[in-house]
PDB file of N, CA and C in Angstrom:
ATOM      1  N   UNK A   1      76.353 118.399 107.713  1.00  0.00           N
ATOM      2  CA  UNK A   1      77.193 118.135 108.863  1.00  0.00           C
ATOM      3  C   UNK A   1      77.166 119.314 109.823  1.00  0.00           C
ATOM      4  N   UNK A   2      77.054 120.522 109.325  1.00  0.00           N
ATOM      5  CA  UNK A   2      77.035 121.710 110.161  1.00  0.00           C
ATOM      6  C   UNK A   2      75.837 121.742 111.099  1.00  0.00           C
ATOM      7  N   UNK A   3      74.680 121.274 110.621  1.00  0.00           N
ATOM      8  CA  UNK A   3      73.482 121.251 111.465  1.00  0.00           C
ATOM      9  C   UNK A   3      73.645 120.294 112.638  1.00  0.00           C
ATOM     10  N   UNK A   4      74.276 119.169 112.390  1.00  0.00           N
ATOM     11  CA  UNK A   4      74.503 118.187 113.452  1.00  0.00           C
ATOM     12  C   UNK A   4      75.422 118.759 114.526  1.00  0.00           C
ATOM     13  N   UNK A   5      76.505 119.388 114.097  1.00  0.00           N
ATOM     14  CA  UNK A   5      77.435 120.002 115.060  1.00  0.00           C
ATOM     15  C   UNK A   5      76.729 121.058 115.897  1.00  0.00           C
ATOM     16  N   UNK A   6      75.933 121.877 115.240  1.00  0.00           N
ATOM     17  CA  UNK A   6      75.207 122.936 115.949  1.00  0.00           C
ATOM     18  C   UNK A   6      74.227 122.338 116.955  1.00  0.00           C
ATOM     19  N   UNK A   7      73.549 121.271 116.574  1.00  0.00           N
ATOM     20  CA  UNK A   7      72.607 120.616 117.485  1.00  0.00           C
ATOM     21  C   UNK A   7      73.335 120.035 118.695  1.00  0.00           C
ATOM     22  N   UNK A   8      74.485 119.424 118.455  1.00  0.00           N
ATOM     23  CA  UNK A   8      75.279 118.859 119.554  1.00  0.00           C
ATOM     24  C   UNK A   8      75.771 119.971 120.466  1.00  0.00           C
ATOM     25  N   UNK A   9      76.259 121.058 119.894  1.00  0.00           N
ATOM     26  CA  UNK A   9      76.727 122.204 120.688  1.00  0.00           C
ATOM     27  C   UNK A   9      75.612 122.743 121.581  1.00  0.00           C
ATOM     28  N   UNK A  10      74.431 122.913 121.002  1.00  0.00           N
ATOM     29  CA  UNK A  10      73.292 123.424 121.774  1.00  0.00           C
ATOM     30  C   UNK A  10      72.936 122.476 122.915  1.00  0.00           C
ATOM     31  N   UNK A  11      72.966 121.200 122.638  1.00  0.00           N
ATOM     32  CA  UNK A  11      72.643 120.204 123.670  1.00  0.00           C
ATOM     33  C   UNK A  11      73.670 120.248 124.795  1.00  0.00           C
ATOM     34  N   UNK A  12      74.938 120.320 124.447  1.00  0.00           N
ATOM     35  CA  UNK A  12      75.998 120.331 125.454  1.00  0.00           C
ATOM     36  C   UNK A  12      75.991 121.605 126.289  1.00  0.00           C
ATOM     37  N   UNK A  13      75.538 122.707 125.731  1.00  0.00           N
ATOM     38  CA  UNK A  13      75.459 123.949 126.498  1.00  0.00           C
ATOM     39  C   UNK A  13      74.473 123.819 127.653  1.00  0.00           C
ATOM     40  N   UNK A  14      73.464 122.983 127.486  1.00  0.00           N
ATOM     41  CA  UNK A  14      72.457 122.800 128.524  1.00  0.00           C
ATOM     42  C   UNK A  14      72.836 121.771 129.576  1.00  0.00           C
ATOM     43  N   UNK A  15      73.944 121.066 129.368  1.00  0.00           N
ATOM     44  CA  UNK A  15      74.377 120.031 130.304  1.00  0.00           C
ATOM     45  C   UNK A  15      75.211 120.673 131.398  1.00  0.00           C
ATOM     46  N   UNK A  16      74.842 120.378 132.655  1.00  0.00           N
ATOM     47  CA  UNK A  16      75.641 120.947 133.741  1.00  0.00           C
ATOM     48  C   UNK A  16      76.668 119.929 134.214  1.00  0.00           C
ATOM     49  N   UNK A  17      77.813 120.429 134.578  1.00  0.00           N
ATOM     50  CA  UNK A  17      78.903 119.584 135.052  1.00  0.00           C
ATOM     51  C   UNK A  17      78.703 119.314 136.538  1.00  0.00           C
ATOM     52  N   UNK A  18      78.847 118.060 136.920  1.00  0.00           N
ATOM     53  CA  UNK A  18      78.749 117.691 138.327  1.00  0.00           C
ATOM     54  C   UNK A  18      80.132 117.264 138.783  1.00  0.00           C
ATOM     55  N   UNK A  19      80.658 117.957 139.757  1.00  0.00           N
ATOM     56  CA  UNK A  19      81.962 117.588 140.317  1.00  0.00           C
ATOM     57  C   UNK A  19      81.720 116.735 141.552  1.00  0.00           C
ATOM     58  N   UNK A  20      82.163 115.487 141.480  1.00  0.00           N
ATOM     59  CA  UNK A  20      81.971 114.560 142.583  1.00  0.00           C
ATOM     60  C   UNK A  20      82.919 114.892 143.723  1.00  0.00           C
ATOM     61  N   UNK A  21      82.446 114.625 144.936  1.00  0.00           N
ATOM     62  CA  UNK A  21      83.253 114.890 146.121  1.00  0.00           C
ATOM     63  C   UNK A  21      83.805 113.584 146.657  1.00  0.00           C
ATOM     64  N   UNK A  22      84.978 113.645 147.257  1.00  0.00           N
ATOM     65  CA  UNK A  22      85.553 112.485 147.933  1.00  0.00           C
ATOM     66  C   UNK A  22      85.302 112.673 149.419  1.00  0.00           C
ATOM     67  N   UNK A  23      84.472 111.795 149.973  1.00  0.00           N
ATOM     68  CA  UNK A  23      84.044 111.917 151.364  1.00  0.00           C
ATOM     69  C   UNK A  23      84.151 110.542 152.019  1.00  0.00           C
ATOM     70  N   UNK A  24      84.583 110.470 153.280  1.00  0.00           N
ATOM     71  CA  UNK A  24      84.630 109.175 153.977  1.00  0.00           C
ATOM     72  C   UNK A  24      83.228 108.556 154.075  1.00  0.00           C
ATOM     73  N   UNK A  25      83.165 107.228 154.062  1.00  0.00           N
ATOM     74  CA  UNK A  25      81.886 106.519 154.083  1.00  0.00           C
ATOM     75  C   UNK A  25      81.027 106.920 155.284  1.00  0.00           C
ATOM     76  N   UNK A  26      81.635 107.101 156.432  1.00  0.00           N
ATOM     77  CA  UNK A  26      80.870 107.487 157.622  1.00  0.00           C
ATOM     78  C   UNK A  26      80.135 108.811 157.391  1.00  0.00           C
ATOM     79  N   UNK A  27      80.825 109.768 156.800  1.00  0.00           N
ATOM     80  CA  UNK A  27      80.215 111.068 156.515  1.00  0.00           C
ATOM     81  C   UNK A  27      79.134 110.944 155.437  1.00  0.00           C
ATOM     82  N   UNK A  28      79.386 110.093 154.444  1.00  0.00           N
ATOM     83  CA  UNK A  28      78.394 109.861 153.390  1.00  0.00           C
ATOM     84  C   UNK A  28      77.108 109.317 154.004  1.00  0.00           C
ATOM     85  N   UNK A  29      77.243 108.360 154.908  1.00  0.00           N
ATOM     86  CA  UNK A  29      76.062 107.778 155.555  1.00  0.00           C
ATOM     87  C   UNK A  29      75.276 108.846 156.308  1.00  0.00           C
ATOM     88  N   UNK A  30      75.971 109.721 157.019  1.00  0.00           N
ATOM     89  CA  UNK A  30      75.298 110.784 157.769  1.00  0.00           C
ATOM     90  C   UNK A  30      74.566 111.738 156.826  1.00  0.00           C
ATOM     91  N   UNK A  31      75.221 112.114 155.733  1.00  0.00           N
ATOM     92  CA  UNK A  31      74.595 113.016 154.763  1.00  0.00           C
ATOM     93  C   UNK A  31      73.373 112.372 154.125  1.00  0.00           C
ATOM     94  N   UNK A  32      73.496 111.111 153.761  1.00  0.00           N
ATOM     95  CA  UNK A  32      72.373 110.410 153.132  1.00  0.00           C
ATOM     96  C   UNK A  32      71.219 110.270 154.114  1.00  0.00           C
ATOM     97  N   UNK A  33      71.524 109.949 155.357  1.00  0.00           N
ATOM     98  CA  UNK A  33      70.473 109.817 156.370  1.00  0.00           C
ATOM     99  C   UNK A  33      69.704 111.134 156.506  1.00  0.00           C
ATOM    100  N   UNK A  34      70.425 112.248 156.603  1.00  0.00           N
ATOM    101  CA  UNK A  34      69.769 113.563 156.707  1.00  0.00           C
ATOM    102  C   UNK A  34      68.965 113.866 155.437  1.00  0.00           C
ATOM    103  N   UNK A  35      69.518 113.523 154.289  1.00  0.00           N
ATOM    104  CA  UNK A  35      68.827 113.754 153.026  1.00  0.00           C
ATOM    105  C   UNK A  35      67.524 112.958 152.974  1.00  0.00           C
ATOM    106  N   UNK A  36      67.589 111.705 153.418  1.00  0.00           N
ATOM    107  CA  UNK A  36      66.399 110.851 153.379  1.00  0.00           C
ATOM    108  C   UNK A  36      65.325 111.305 154.363  1.00  0.00           C
ATOM    109  N   UNK A  37      65.731 111.961 155.436  1.00  0.00           N
ATOM    110  CA  UNK A  37      64.731 112.508 156.363  1.00  0.00           C
ATOM    111  C   UNK A  37      63.865 113.553 155.659  1.00  0.00           C
ATOM    112  N   UNK A  38      64.469 114.320 154.766  1.00  0.00           N
ATOM    113  CA  UNK A  38      63.747 115.361 154.035  1.00  0.00           C
ATOM    114  C   UNK A  38      63.140 114.850 152.723  1.00  0.00           C
ATOM    115  N   UNK A  39      63.708 113.780 152.183  1.00  0.00           N
ATOM    116  CA  UNK A  39      63.295 113.244 150.875  1.00  0.00           C
ATOM    117  C   UNK A  39      63.169 111.725 150.963  1.00  0.00           C
ATOM    118  N   UNK A  40      62.177 111.224 151.700  1.00  0.00           N
ATOM    119  CA  UNK A  40      62.106 109.787 151.992  1.00  0.00           C
ATOM    120  C   UNK A  40      61.906 108.867 150.785  1.00  0.00           C
ATOM    121  N   UNK A  41      61.369 109.362 149.699  1.00  0.00           N
ATOM    122  CA  UNK A  41      61.105 108.510 148.537  1.00  0.00           C
ATOM    123  C   UNK A  41      62.178 108.625 147.458  1.00  0.00           C
ATOM    124  N   UNK A  42      63.368 109.035 147.843  1.00  0.00           N
ATOM    125  CA  UNK A  42      64.454 109.243 146.879  1.00  0.00           C
ATOM    126  C   UNK A  42      65.081 107.927 146.435  1.00  0.00           C
ATOM    127  N   UNK A  43      65.573 107.943 145.217  1.00  0.00           N
ATOM    128  CA  UNK A  43      66.299 106.806 144.660  1.00  0.00           C
ATOM    129  C   UNK A  43      67.801 107.079 144.747  1.00  0.00           C
ATOM    130  N   UNK A  44      68.623 106.028 144.741  1.00  0.00           N
ATOM    131  CA  UNK A  44      70.076 106.223 144.843  1.00  0.00           C
ATOM    132  C   UNK A  44      70.633 107.214 143.818  1.00  0.00           C
ATOM    133  N   UNK A  45      70.139 107.154 142.596  1.00  0.00           N
ATOM    134  CA  UNK A  45      70.614 108.065 141.553  1.00  0.00           C
ATOM    135  C   UNK A  45      70.355 109.518 141.946  1.00  0.00           C
ATOM    136  N   UNK A  46      69.156 109.784 142.483  1.00  0.00           N
ATOM    137  CA  UNK A  46      68.813 111.143 142.913  1.00  0.00           C
ATOM    138  C   UNK A  46      69.729 111.608 144.040  1.00  0.00           C
ATOM    139  N   UNK A  47      69.970 110.716 144.989  1.00  0.00           N
ATOM    140  CA  UNK A  47      70.836 111.043 146.129  1.00  0.00           C
ATOM    141  C   UNK A  47      72.247 111.360 145.635  1.00  0.00           C
ATOM    142  N   UNK A  48      72.767 110.516 144.755  1.00  0.00           N
ATOM    143  CA  UNK A  48      74.118 110.717 144.225  1.00  0.00           C
ATOM    144  C   UNK A  48      74.235 112.061 143.514  1.00  0.00           C
ATOM    145  N   UNK A  49      73.260 112.389 142.696  1.00  0.00           N
ATOM    146  CA  UNK A  49      73.299 113.663 141.974  1.00  0.00           C
ATOM    147  C   UNK A  49      73.181 114.845 142.920  1.00  0.00           C
ATOM    148  N   UNK A  50      72.247 114.781 143.821  1.00  0.00           N
ATOM    149  CA  UNK A  50      71.996 115.903 144.728  1.00  0.00           C
ATOM    150  C   UNK A  50      73.174 116.152 145.671  1.00  0.00           C
ATOM    151  N   UNK A  51      73.786 115.079 146.167  1.00  0.00           N
ATOM    152  CA  UNK A  51      74.887 115.217 147.120  1.00  0.00           C
ATOM    153  C   UNK A  51      76.260 115.186 146.444  1.00  0.00           C
ATOM    154  N   UNK A  52      76.262 115.036 145.110  1.00  0.00           N
ATOM    155  CA  UNK A  52      77.505 114.992 144.319  1.00  0.00           C
ATOM    156  C   UNK A  52      78.435 113.884 144.801  1.00  0.00           C
ATOM    157  N   UNK A  53      77.888 112.673 144.840  1.00  0.00           N
ATOM    158  CA  UNK A  53      78.644 111.511 145.298  1.00  0.00           C
ATOM    159  C   UNK A  53      78.645 110.436 144.223  1.00  0.00           C
ATOM    160  N   UNK A  54      79.656 109.580 144.253  1.00  0.00           N
ATOM    161  CA  UNK A  54      79.702 108.421 143.351  1.00  0.00           C
ATOM    162  C   UNK A  54      78.502 107.522 143.649  1.00  0.00           C
ATOM    163  N   UNK A  55      77.842 107.052 142.613  1.00  0.00           N
ATOM    164  CA  UNK A  55      76.675 106.196 142.788  1.00  0.00           C
ATOM    165  C   UNK A  55      77.029 104.921 143.544  1.00  0.00           C
ATOM    166  N   UNK A  56      78.198 104.356 143.270  1.00  0.00           N
ATOM    167  CA  UNK A  56      78.596 103.122 143.961  1.00  0.00           C
ATOM    168  C   UNK A  56      78.755 103.353 145.465  1.00  0.00           C
ATOM    169  N   UNK A  57      79.252 104.519 145.861  1.00  0.00           N
ATOM    170  CA  UNK A  57      79.375 104.835 147.289  1.00  0.00           C
ATOM    171  C   UNK A  57      78.014 105.047 147.935  1.00  0.00           C
ATOM    172  N   UNK A  58      77.097 105.634 147.184  1.00  0.00           N
ATOM    173  CA  UNK A  58      75.734 105.809 147.694  1.00  0.00           C
ATOM    174  C   UNK A  58      75.111 104.442 147.935  1.00  0.00           C
ATOM    175  N   UNK A  59      75.282 103.526 146.991  1.00  0.00           N
ATOM    176  CA  UNK A  59      74.751 102.169 147.166  1.00  0.00           C
ATOM    177  C   UNK A  59      75.359 101.504 148.401  1.00  0.00           C
ATOM    178  N   UNK A  60      76.664 101.611 148.550  1.00  0.00           N
ATOM    179  CA  UNK A  60      77.348 101.009 149.696  1.00  0.00           C
ATOM    180  C   UNK A  60      76.829 101.592 151.013  1.00  0.00           C
ATOM    181  N   UNK A  61      76.684 102.899 151.064  1.00  0.00           N
ATOM    182  CA  UNK A  61      76.187 103.554 152.279  1.00  0.00           C
ATOM    183  C   UNK A  61      74.746 103.147 152.564  1.00  0.00           C
ATOM    184  N   UNK A  62      73.926 103.031 151.523  1.00  0.00           N
ATOM    185  CA  UNK A  62      72.528 102.641 151.720  1.00  0.00           C
ATOM    186  C   UNK A  62      72.411 101.213 152.243  1.00  0.00           C
ATOM    187  N   UNK A  63      73.277 100.324 151.770  1.00  0.00           N
ATOM    188  CA  UNK A  63      73.279  98.946 152.277  1.00  0.00           C
ATOM    189  C   UNK A  63      73.558  98.957 153.773  1.00  0.00           C
ATOM    190  N   UNK A  64      74.547  99.738 154.193  1.00  0.00           N
ATOM    191  CA  UNK A  64      74.877  99.811 155.618  1.00  0.00           C
ATOM    192  C   UNK A  64      73.754 100.462 156.416  1.00  0.00           C
ATOM    193  N   UNK A  65      73.175 101.533 155.888  1.00  0.00           N
ATOM    194  CA  UNK A  65      72.067 102.193 156.586  1.00  0.00           C
ATOM    195  C   UNK A  65      70.869 101.253 156.719  1.00  0.00           C
ATOM    196  N   UNK A  66      70.643 100.446 155.690  1.00  0.00           N
ATOM    197  CA  UNK A  66      69.546  99.477 155.743  1.00  0.00           C
ATOM    198  C   UNK A  66      69.816  98.435 156.826  1.00  0.00           C
ATOM    199  N   UNK A  67      71.050  97.932 156.913  1.00  0.00           N
ATOM    200  CA  UNK A  67      71.413  96.958 157.952  1.00  0.00           C
ATOM    201  C   UNK A  67      71.233  97.546 159.344  1.00  0.00           C
ATOM    202  N   UNK A  68      71.488  98.854 159.471  1.00  0.00           N
ATOM    203  CA  UNK A  68      71.353  99.541 160.756  1.00  0.00           C
ATOM    204  C   UNK A  68      69.907  99.943 161.050  1.00  0.00           C
ATOM    205  N   UNK A  69      69.004  99.677 160.105  1.00  0.00           N
ATOM    206  CA  UNK A  69      67.601 100.024 160.283  1.00  0.00           C
ATOM    207  C   UNK A  69      67.310 101.503 160.080  1.00  0.00           C
ATOM    208  N   UNK A  70      68.210 102.210 159.407  1.00  0.00           N
ATOM    209  CA  UNK A  70      68.050 103.650 159.208  1.00  0.00           C
ATOM    210  C   UNK A  70      67.560 104.009 157.809  1.00  0.00           C
ATOM    211  N   UNK A  71      67.405 103.010 156.947  1.00  0.00           N
ATOM    212  CA  UNK A  71      66.916 103.241 155.587  1.00  0.00           C
ATOM    213  C   UNK A  71      66.178 101.996 155.133  1.00  0.00           C
ATOM    214  N   UNK A  72      65.264 102.206 154.200  1.00  0.00           N
ATOM    215  CA  UNK A  72      64.538 101.070 153.632  1.00  0.00           C
ATOM    216  C   UNK A  72      64.376 101.296 152.141  1.00  0.00           C
ATOM    217  N   UNK A  73      64.075 100.218 151.427  1.00  0.00           N
ATOM    218  CA  UNK A  73      63.925 100.317 149.979  1.00  0.00           C
ATOM    219  C   UNK A  73      62.610 100.979 149.625  1.00  0.00           C
ATOM    220  N   UNK A  74      62.650 101.758 148.541  1.00  0.00           N
ATOM    221  CA  UNK A  74      61.454 102.407 148.024  1.00  0.00           C
ATOM    222  C   UNK A  74      60.835 101.481 146.992  1.00  0.00           C
ATOM    223  N   UNK A  75      59.542 101.287 147.082  1.00  0.00           N
ATOM    224  CA  UNK A  75      58.835 100.419 146.119  1.00  0.00           C
ATOM    225  C   UNK A  75      58.551 101.167 144.847  1.00  0.00           C
TER     226      UNK A  75
END
């Protein structure tokens, strides 16, 4: 049992904590748009992690950006 605990401890030491930010949707869209200009092939998960945003909000913002013609899906 001690080896398992030690392995879990070692694994958790390497995990970084991500503190999500609360940002209005309009600001999220602007940040994502700027991010996509520099990283056009990014996936929603990558955007959420990099910008420290809730994945569901990233999806919502991307849907709106797509409707506005400012974002497109990556194949």
